[in-house]
Amino acid sequence: MASRLNPYLTFQDSAREAIEFYRDVFGGELQVMTFGDMGGEPASGVMHAQLETPSGFTLMASDAPPGESLTPGGSIQISLSGDDTEELTGWFRRLAEDGTVVDDLKQQVWGDTFGMLVDRFGVGWLVNIAGSTPDQPAE
């Protein structure tokens, strides 16, 4: 197997809701292991979740362990890029639901369509569509 780089997101008690949302956005197979599965607490907390998407990327997530706090978002954003305008525009719109669009999808000076958003879980996303123009602005 080739080496892969996979984003791993940590949430404060909302990993299951977030990873299920991402499965709804991207599709794919989701596996979830709870702290309870390993005899730990909180029993329903997500120890590890892994989403394998039909597009070939993997997204992983967990809840912060008990007693550990975190700041959502921090200094990282996830970048989605490619040339499938319909797929990438759809992902942008779905991720933006109940989130904040920082920069709507629009033609950029470098020739691509680009947009930025923060989803409802505080995760930043960058979407770049190579050499295209959006059909309609994202809502």
N, C-alpha and C. Protein backbone atom coordinates (compact mmCIF):
# COMPACT_ATOMS: atom_id res chain seq x y z
N MET A 1 0.84 -1.18 0.00
CA MET A 1 0.00 0.00 0.00
C MET A 1 0.88 1.24 0.00
N ALA A 2 0.51 2.22 -0.80
CA ALA A 2 1.24 3.48 -0.87
C ALA A 2 0.98 4.31 0.38
N SER A 3 1.90 5.18 0.72
CA SER A 3 1.70 6.10 1.85
C SER A 3 0.60 7.08 1.51
N ARG A 4 -0.15 7.50 2.54
CA ARG A 4 -1.23 8.45 2.34
C ARG A 4 -1.21 9.49 3.45
N LEU A 5 -1.67 10.67 3.14
CA LEU A 5 -1.85 11.72 4.12
C LEU A 5 -3.35 11.87 4.34
N ASN A 6 -3.80 11.69 5.58
CA ASN A 6 -5.23 11.75 5.88
C ASN A 6 -5.51 12.79 6.95
N PRO A 7 -6.42 13.74 6.68
CA PRO A 7 -6.81 14.69 7.73
C PRO A 7 -7.45 13.95 8.90
N TYR A 8 -7.08 14.34 10.13
CA TYR A 8 -7.63 13.75 11.35
C TYR A 8 -8.17 14.91 12.19
N LEU A 9 -9.47 14.95 12.36
CA LEU A 9 -10.13 16.04 13.06
C LEU A 9 -10.52 15.60 14.47
N THR A 10 -10.32 16.49 15.43
CA THR A 10 -10.71 16.21 16.81
C THR A 10 -11.80 17.20 17.21
N PHE A 11 -12.83 16.68 17.88
CA PHE A 11 -13.98 17.48 18.27
C PHE A 11 -14.20 17.36 19.77
N GLN A 12 -14.91 18.34 20.31
CA GLN A 12 -15.29 18.30 21.71
C GLN A 12 -16.70 17.73 21.78
N ASP A 13 -16.82 16.41 21.86
CA ASP A 13 -18.10 15.71 22.04
C ASP A 13 -19.05 15.77 20.83
N SER A 14 -18.57 16.07 19.64
CA SER A 14 -19.47 16.10 18.47
C SER A 14 -18.88 15.35 17.27
N ALA A 15 -17.92 14.47 17.50
CA ALA A 15 -17.28 13.76 16.39
C ALA A 15 -18.28 12.91 15.60
N ARG A 16 -19.17 12.20 16.29
CA ARG A 16 -20.12 11.35 15.57
C ARG A 16 -21.02 12.20 14.67
N GLU A 17 -21.57 13.27 15.20
CA GLU A 17 -22.42 14.15 14.41
C GLU A 17 -21.64 14.72 13.21
N ALA A 18 -20.41 15.14 13.44
CA ALA A 18 -19.60 15.72 12.37
C ALA A 18 -19.27 14.69 11.29
N ILE A 19 -18.78 13.52 11.67
CA ILE A 19 -18.35 12.54 10.67
C ILE A 19 -19.55 11.98 9.90
N GLU A 20 -20.71 11.88 10.56
CA GLU A 20 -21.91 11.47 9.84
C GLU A 20 -22.35 12.55 8.86
N PHE A 21 -22.18 13.82 9.23
CA PHE A 21 -22.46 14.93 8.32
C PHE A 21 -21.53 14.85 7.11
N TYR A 22 -20.24 14.62 7.34
CA TYR A 22 -19.28 14.52 6.24
C TYR A 22 -19.60 13.32 5.34
N ARG A 23 -20.07 12.22 5.94
CA ARG A 23 -20.50 11.07 5.12
C ARG A 23 -21.67 11.47 4.23
N ASP A 24 -22.61 12.25 4.77
CA ASP A 24 -23.74 12.71 3.97
C ASP A 24 -23.28 13.63 2.83
N VAL A 25 -22.26 14.43 3.09
CA VAL A 25 -21.74 15.34 2.07
C VAL A 25 -20.96 14.58 0.99
N PHE A 26 -20.01 13.74 1.41
CA PHE A 26 -19.07 13.11 0.48
C PHE A 26 -19.45 11.70 0.07
N GLY A 27 -20.35 11.05 0.81
CA GLY A 27 -20.66 9.64 0.57
C GLY A 27 -19.55 8.77 1.14
N GLY A 28 -19.69 7.47 0.98
CA GLY A 28 -18.63 6.56 1.38
C GLY A 28 -18.98 5.67 2.55
N GLU A 29 -17.97 4.90 2.95
CA GLU A 29 -18.10 3.93 4.02
C GLU A 29 -17.53 4.51 5.31
N LEU A 30 -18.33 4.45 6.37
CA LEU A 30 -17.94 5.00 7.67
C LEU A 30 -17.79 3.90 8.69
N GLN A 31 -16.68 3.93 9.42
CA GLN A 31 -16.47 3.03 10.54
C GLN A 31 -16.25 3.88 11.78
N VAL A 32 -16.94 3.52 12.87
CA VAL A 32 -16.83 4.28 14.12
C VAL A 32 -16.54 3.32 15.27
N MET A 33 -15.53 3.65 16.07
CA MET A 33 -15.20 2.91 17.28
C MET A 33 -15.36 3.88 18.46
N THR A 34 -16.10 3.46 19.46
CA THR A 34 -16.33 4.34 20.62
C THR A 34 -15.36 4.00 21.74
N PHE A 35 -15.25 4.92 22.70
CA PHE A 35 -14.46 4.64 23.90
C PHE A 35 -15.04 3.42 24.60
N GLY A 36 -16.37 3.30 24.60
CA GLY A 36 -17.03 2.17 25.23
C GLY A 36 -16.67 0.84 24.59
N ASP A 37 -16.43 0.83 23.27
CA ASP A 37 -16.01 -0.40 22.59
C ASP A 37 -14.70 -0.93 23.17
N MET A 38 -13.90 -0.05 23.72
CA MET A 38 -12.60 -0.42 24.28
C MET A 38 -12.62 -0.41 25.81
N GLY A 39 -13.83 -0.34 26.39
CA GLY A 39 -13.97 -0.38 27.84
C GLY A 39 -13.74 0.95 28.51
N GLY A 40 -13.73 2.04 27.74
CA GLY A 40 -13.46 3.36 28.30
C GLY A 40 -14.71 4.21 28.44
N GLU A 41 -14.48 5.40 28.91
CA GLU A 41 -15.54 6.39 29.11
C GLU A 41 -15.16 7.69 28.41
N PRO A 42 -16.11 8.48 27.96
CA PRO A 42 -17.54 8.19 27.95
C PRO A 42 -17.85 7.11 26.91
N ALA A 43 -18.71 6.20 27.26
CA ALA A 43 -18.97 5.02 26.43
C ALA A 43 -19.39 5.38 25.01
N SER A 44 -20.16 6.46 24.84
CA SER A 44 -20.64 6.81 23.51
C SER A 44 -19.68 7.75 22.76
N GLY A 45 -18.62 8.21 23.43
CA GLY A 45 -17.66 9.10 22.78
C GLY A 45 -16.91 8.38 21.67
N VAL A 46 -16.57 9.11 20.61
CA VAL A 46 -15.88 8.51 19.47
C VAL A 46 -14.38 8.48 19.72
N MET A 47 -13.85 7.26 19.80
CA MET A 47 -12.41 7.08 19.96
C MET A 47 -11.70 7.21 18.61
N HIS A 48 -12.33 6.68 17.56
CA HIS A 48 -11.78 6.78 16.20
C HIS A 48 -12.89 6.54 15.20
N ALA A 49 -12.97 7.41 14.20
CA ALA A 49 -13.90 7.24 13.09
C ALA A 49 -13.12 7.43 11.80
N GLN A 50 -13.50 6.65 10.79
CA GLN A 50 -12.80 6.74 9.51
C GLN A 50 -13.82 6.68 8.38
N LEU A 51 -13.78 7.69 7.51
CA LEU A 51 -14.65 7.76 6.35
C LEU A 51 -13.81 7.58 5.09
N GLU A 52 -14.09 6.52 4.35
CA GLU A 52 -13.45 6.26 3.06
C GLU A 52 -14.43 6.70 1.99
N THR A 53 -14.07 7.72 1.22
CA THR A 53 -15.01 8.28 0.24
C THR A 53 -14.85 7.64 -1.14
N PRO A 54 -15.91 7.70 -1.95
CA PRO A 54 -15.82 7.18 -3.31
C PRO A 54 -14.81 7.95 -4.17
N SER A 55 -14.49 9.17 -3.78
CA SER A 55 -13.53 9.98 -4.53
C SER A 55 -12.08 9.65 -4.19
N GLY A 56 -11.88 8.73 -3.22
CA GLY A 56 -10.54 8.25 -2.94
C GLY A 56 -9.82 8.91 -1.79
N PHE A 57 -10.47 9.80 -1.06
CA PHE A 57 -9.78 10.35 0.10
C PHE A 57 -10.41 9.82 1.38
N THR A 58 -9.64 9.92 2.45
CA THR A 58 -10.05 9.43 3.76
C THR A 58 -10.08 10.59 4.73
N LEU A 59 -11.12 10.63 5.55
CA LEU A 59 -11.25 11.64 6.59
C LEU A 59 -11.43 10.89 7.90
N MET A 60 -10.64 11.26 8.91
CA MET A 60 -10.70 10.60 10.22
C MET A 60 -11.10 11.61 11.29
N ALA A 61 -11.68 11.10 12.38
CA ALA A 61 -12.12 12.00 13.45
C ALA A 61 -12.21 11.26 14.78
N SER A 62 -12.19 12.03 15.86
CA SER A 62 -12.42 11.50 17.20
C SER A 62 -12.89 12.63 18.10
N ASP A 63 -13.43 12.24 19.25
CA ASP A 63 -13.72 13.21 20.30
C ASP A 63 -12.46 13.39 21.12
N ALA A 64 -12.27 14.57 21.68
CA ALA A 64 -11.14 14.79 22.59
C ALA A 64 -11.32 13.86 23.79
N PRO A 65 -10.26 13.26 24.28
CA PRO A 65 -10.37 12.39 25.45
C PRO A 65 -10.90 13.17 26.65
N PRO A 66 -11.54 12.49 27.59
CA PRO A 66 -12.07 13.17 28.79
C PRO A 66 -10.98 14.01 29.46
N GLY A 67 -11.36 15.22 29.83
CA GLY A 67 -10.44 16.12 30.52
C GLY A 67 -9.58 16.95 29.57
N GLU A 68 -9.59 16.64 28.28
CA GLU A 68 -8.81 17.41 27.31
C GLU A 68 -9.73 18.37 26.58
N SER A 69 -9.37 19.64 26.55
CA SER A 69 -10.17 20.61 25.82
C SER A 69 -9.41 21.03 24.57
N LEU A 70 -10.14 21.60 23.63
CA LEU A 70 -9.50 22.03 22.39
C LEU A 70 -10.20 23.25 21.86
N THR A 71 -9.54 23.93 20.94
CA THR A 71 -10.10 25.08 20.26
C THR A 71 -10.47 24.66 18.85
N PRO A 72 -11.78 24.66 18.49
CA PRO A 72 -12.16 24.23 17.15
C PRO A 72 -11.48 25.06 16.07
N GLY A 73 -11.15 24.41 14.96
CA GLY A 73 -10.55 25.10 13.83
C GLY A 73 -9.06 25.22 13.95
N GLY A 74 -8.61 25.97 14.94
CA GLY A 74 -7.18 26.15 15.12
C GLY A 74 -6.53 26.77 13.90
N SER A 75 -5.41 26.19 13.48
CA SER A 75 -4.65 26.78 12.38
C SER A 75 -4.61 25.88 11.15
N ILE A 76 -5.65 25.07 10.96
CA ILE A 76 -5.65 24.17 9.83
C ILE A 76 -6.96 24.29 9.06
N GLN A 77 -6.87 24.13 7.75
CA GLN A 77 -8.04 24.08 6.89
C GLN A 77 -7.87 22.88 5.98
N ILE A 78 -8.99 22.34 5.52
CA ILE A 78 -8.94 21.21 4.59
C ILE A 78 -9.21 21.74 3.19
N SER A 79 -8.36 21.36 2.25
CA SER A 79 -8.49 21.82 0.87
C SER A 79 -9.03 20.70 -0.01
N LEU A 80 -10.08 21.02 -0.75
CA LEU A 80 -10.64 20.11 -1.75
C LEU A 80 -10.38 20.74 -3.11
N SER A 81 -9.78 19.99 -4.02
CA SER A 81 -9.50 20.57 -5.33
C SER A 81 -9.66 19.52 -6.42
N GLY A 82 -9.89 19.98 -7.61
CA GLY A 82 -10.05 19.10 -8.76
C GLY A 82 -10.71 19.85 -9.90
N ASP A 83 -11.23 19.08 -10.87
CA ASP A 83 -11.84 19.73 -12.03
C ASP A 83 -13.31 19.34 -12.23
N ASP A 84 -13.88 18.61 -11.28
CA ASP A 84 -15.28 18.22 -11.37
C ASP A 84 -16.13 19.32 -10.72
N THR A 85 -16.58 20.26 -11.55
CA THR A 85 -17.31 21.43 -11.06
C THR A 85 -18.55 21.05 -10.28
N GLU A 86 -19.33 20.12 -10.80
CA GLU A 86 -20.58 19.74 -10.14
C GLU A 86 -20.31 19.12 -8.76
N GLU A 87 -19.36 18.21 -8.67
CA GLU A 87 -19.05 17.56 -7.40
C GLU A 87 -18.52 18.56 -6.38
N LEU A 88 -17.53 19.35 -6.76
CA LEU A 88 -16.91 20.29 -5.82
C LEU A 88 -17.88 21.40 -5.40
N THR A 89 -18.69 21.89 -6.33
CA THR A 89 -19.69 22.91 -5.99
C THR A 89 -20.72 22.32 -5.03
N GLY A 90 -21.13 21.08 -5.28
CA GLY A 90 -22.08 20.41 -4.38
C GLY A 90 -21.51 20.26 -2.99
N TRP A 91 -20.24 19.83 -2.90
CA TRP A 91 -19.61 19.70 -1.59
C TRP A 91 -19.56 21.04 -0.88
N PHE A 92 -19.18 22.10 -1.60
CA PHE A 92 -19.10 23.43 -1.01
C PHE A 92 -20.45 23.83 -0.42
N ARG A 93 -21.50 23.66 -1.20
CA ARG A 93 -22.84 24.05 -0.74
C ARG A 93 -23.27 23.24 0.48
N ARG A 94 -23.02 21.94 0.46
CA ARG A 94 -23.42 21.10 1.59
C ARG A 94 -22.62 21.45 2.84
N LEU A 95 -21.31 21.65 2.71
CA LEU A 95 -20.48 21.99 3.86
C LEU A 95 -20.87 23.35 4.45
N ALA A 96 -21.37 24.24 3.60
CA ALA A 96 -21.75 25.59 4.04
C ALA A 96 -23.06 25.61 4.82
N GLU A 97 -23.86 24.54 4.75
CA GLU A 97 -25.14 24.51 5.46
C GLU A 97 -24.91 24.72 6.96
N ASP A 98 -25.54 25.74 7.50
CA ASP A 98 -25.43 26.11 8.91
C ASP A 98 -24.01 26.52 9.30
N GLY A 99 -23.17 26.77 8.31
CA GLY A 99 -21.81 27.24 8.54
C GLY A 99 -21.69 28.70 8.10
N THR A 100 -20.46 29.13 7.86
CA THR A 100 -20.20 30.51 7.45
C THR A 100 -19.36 30.50 6.17
N VAL A 101 -19.90 31.11 5.12
CA VAL A 101 -19.13 31.26 3.88
C VAL A 101 -18.22 32.47 4.06
N VAL A 102 -16.92 32.23 4.02
CA VAL A 102 -15.93 33.29 4.17
C VAL A 102 -15.72 33.99 2.83
N ASP A 103 -15.64 33.21 1.77
CA ASP A 103 -15.45 33.73 0.41
C ASP A 103 -16.22 32.80 -0.52
N ASP A 104 -17.30 33.30 -1.13
CA ASP A 104 -18.14 32.46 -1.97
C ASP A 104 -17.36 31.96 -3.19
N LEU A 105 -17.80 30.85 -3.75
CA LEU A 105 -17.17 30.32 -4.96
C LEU A 105 -17.26 31.36 -6.06
N LYS A 106 -16.11 31.73 -6.62
CA LYS A 106 -16.10 32.68 -7.72
C LYS A 106 -14.79 32.57 -8.49
N GLN A 107 -14.82 33.03 -9.72
CA GLN A 107 -13.65 33.01 -10.59
C GLN A 107 -12.55 33.86 -9.96
N GLN A 108 -11.34 33.32 -9.95
CA GLN A 108 -10.20 34.01 -9.36
C GLN A 108 -9.21 34.44 -10.46
N VAL A 109 -8.29 35.32 -10.11
CA VAL A 109 -7.33 35.84 -11.09
C VAL A 109 -6.44 34.75 -11.67
N TRP A 110 -6.26 33.64 -10.95
CA TRP A 110 -5.41 32.56 -11.46
C TRP A 110 -6.17 31.63 -12.40
N GLY A 111 -7.47 31.93 -12.64
CA GLY A 111 -8.24 31.17 -13.62
C GLY A 111 -9.13 30.10 -13.06
N ASP A 112 -9.01 29.78 -11.79
CA ASP A 112 -9.83 28.75 -11.16
C ASP A 112 -10.99 29.40 -10.42
N THR A 113 -11.95 28.58 -10.04
CA THR A 113 -13.03 29.00 -9.16
C THR A 113 -12.64 28.56 -7.76
N PHE A 114 -12.77 29.48 -6.80
CA PHE A 114 -12.29 29.22 -5.45
C PHE A 114 -13.27 29.80 -4.44
N GLY A 115 -13.43 29.09 -3.31
CA GLY A 115 -14.24 29.59 -2.20
C GLY A 115 -13.72 29.04 -0.89
N MET A 116 -14.08 29.72 0.20
CA MET A 116 -13.68 29.33 1.55
C MET A 116 -14.90 29.36 2.46
N LEU A 117 -14.92 28.43 3.41
CA LEU A 117 -16.01 28.41 4.38
C LEU A 117 -15.54 27.77 5.67
N VAL A 118 -16.32 28.00 6.72
CA VAL A 118 -16.13 27.32 8.00
C VAL A 118 -17.44 26.58 8.24
N ASP A 119 -17.37 25.25 8.38
CA ASP A 119 -18.60 24.47 8.55
C ASP A 119 -19.16 24.64 9.95
N ARG A 120 -20.31 24.05 10.20
CA ARG A 120 -20.99 24.23 11.48
C ARG A 120 -20.25 23.62 12.66
N PHE A 121 -19.18 22.86 12.39
CA PHE A 121 -18.36 22.27 13.45
C PHE A 121 -17.08 23.07 13.69
N GLY A 122 -16.91 24.19 12.97
CA GLY A 122 -15.75 25.04 13.14
C GLY A 122 -14.56 24.63 12.30
N VAL A 123 -14.75 23.72 11.33
CA VAL A 123 -13.66 23.27 10.46
C VAL A 123 -13.63 24.14 9.21
N GLY A 124 -12.44 24.65 8.89
CA GLY A 124 -12.27 25.47 7.70
C GLY A 124 -12.05 24.62 6.45
N TRP A 125 -12.67 25.00 5.35
CA TRP A 125 -12.57 24.28 4.08
C TRP A 125 -12.23 25.26 2.96
N LEU A 126 -11.33 24.86 2.08
CA LEU A 126 -10.98 25.60 0.88
C LEU A 126 -11.38 24.74 -0.31
N VAL A 127 -12.08 25.31 -1.28
CA VAL A 127 -12.50 24.55 -2.45
C VAL A 127 -11.98 25.27 -3.69
N ASN A 128 -11.20 24.54 -4.50
CA ASN A 128 -10.63 25.09 -5.73
C ASN A 128 -11.02 24.19 -6.90
N ILE A 129 -11.72 24.80 -7.88
CA ILE A 129 -12.15 24.07 -9.07
C ILE A 129 -11.30 24.57 -10.24
N ALA A 130 -10.48 23.68 -10.78
CA ALA A 130 -9.51 24.05 -11.82
C ALA A 130 -10.18 24.56 -13.09
N GLY A 131 -9.78 25.77 -13.50
CA GLY A 131 -10.17 26.33 -14.79
C GLY A 131 -11.65 26.35 -15.07
N SER A 132 -12.48 26.65 -14.07
CA SER A 132 -13.92 26.61 -14.30
C SER A 132 -14.58 27.86 -13.78
N THR A 133 -15.85 27.99 -14.11
CA THR A 133 -16.67 29.06 -13.56
C THR A 133 -17.87 28.41 -12.91
N PRO A 134 -18.28 28.89 -11.76
CA PRO A 134 -19.42 28.26 -11.08
C PRO A 134 -20.70 28.48 -11.87
N ASP A 135 -21.60 27.49 -11.87
CA ASP A 135 -22.89 27.63 -12.55
C ASP A 135 -23.73 28.67 -11.85
N GLN A 136 -23.76 28.60 -10.53
CA GLN A 136 -24.51 29.53 -9.70
C GLN A 136 -23.71 29.77 -8.45
N PRO A 137 -23.84 30.95 -7.85
CA PRO A 137 -23.13 31.17 -6.59
C PRO A 137 -23.66 30.24 -5.50
N ALA A 138 -22.77 29.84 -4.59
CA ALA A 138 -23.18 29.01 -3.45
C ALA A 138 -24.08 29.83 -2.55
N GLU A 139 -24.95 29.15 -1.84
CA GLU A 139 -25.87 29.86 -0.94
C GLU A 139 -25.34 29.88 0.46
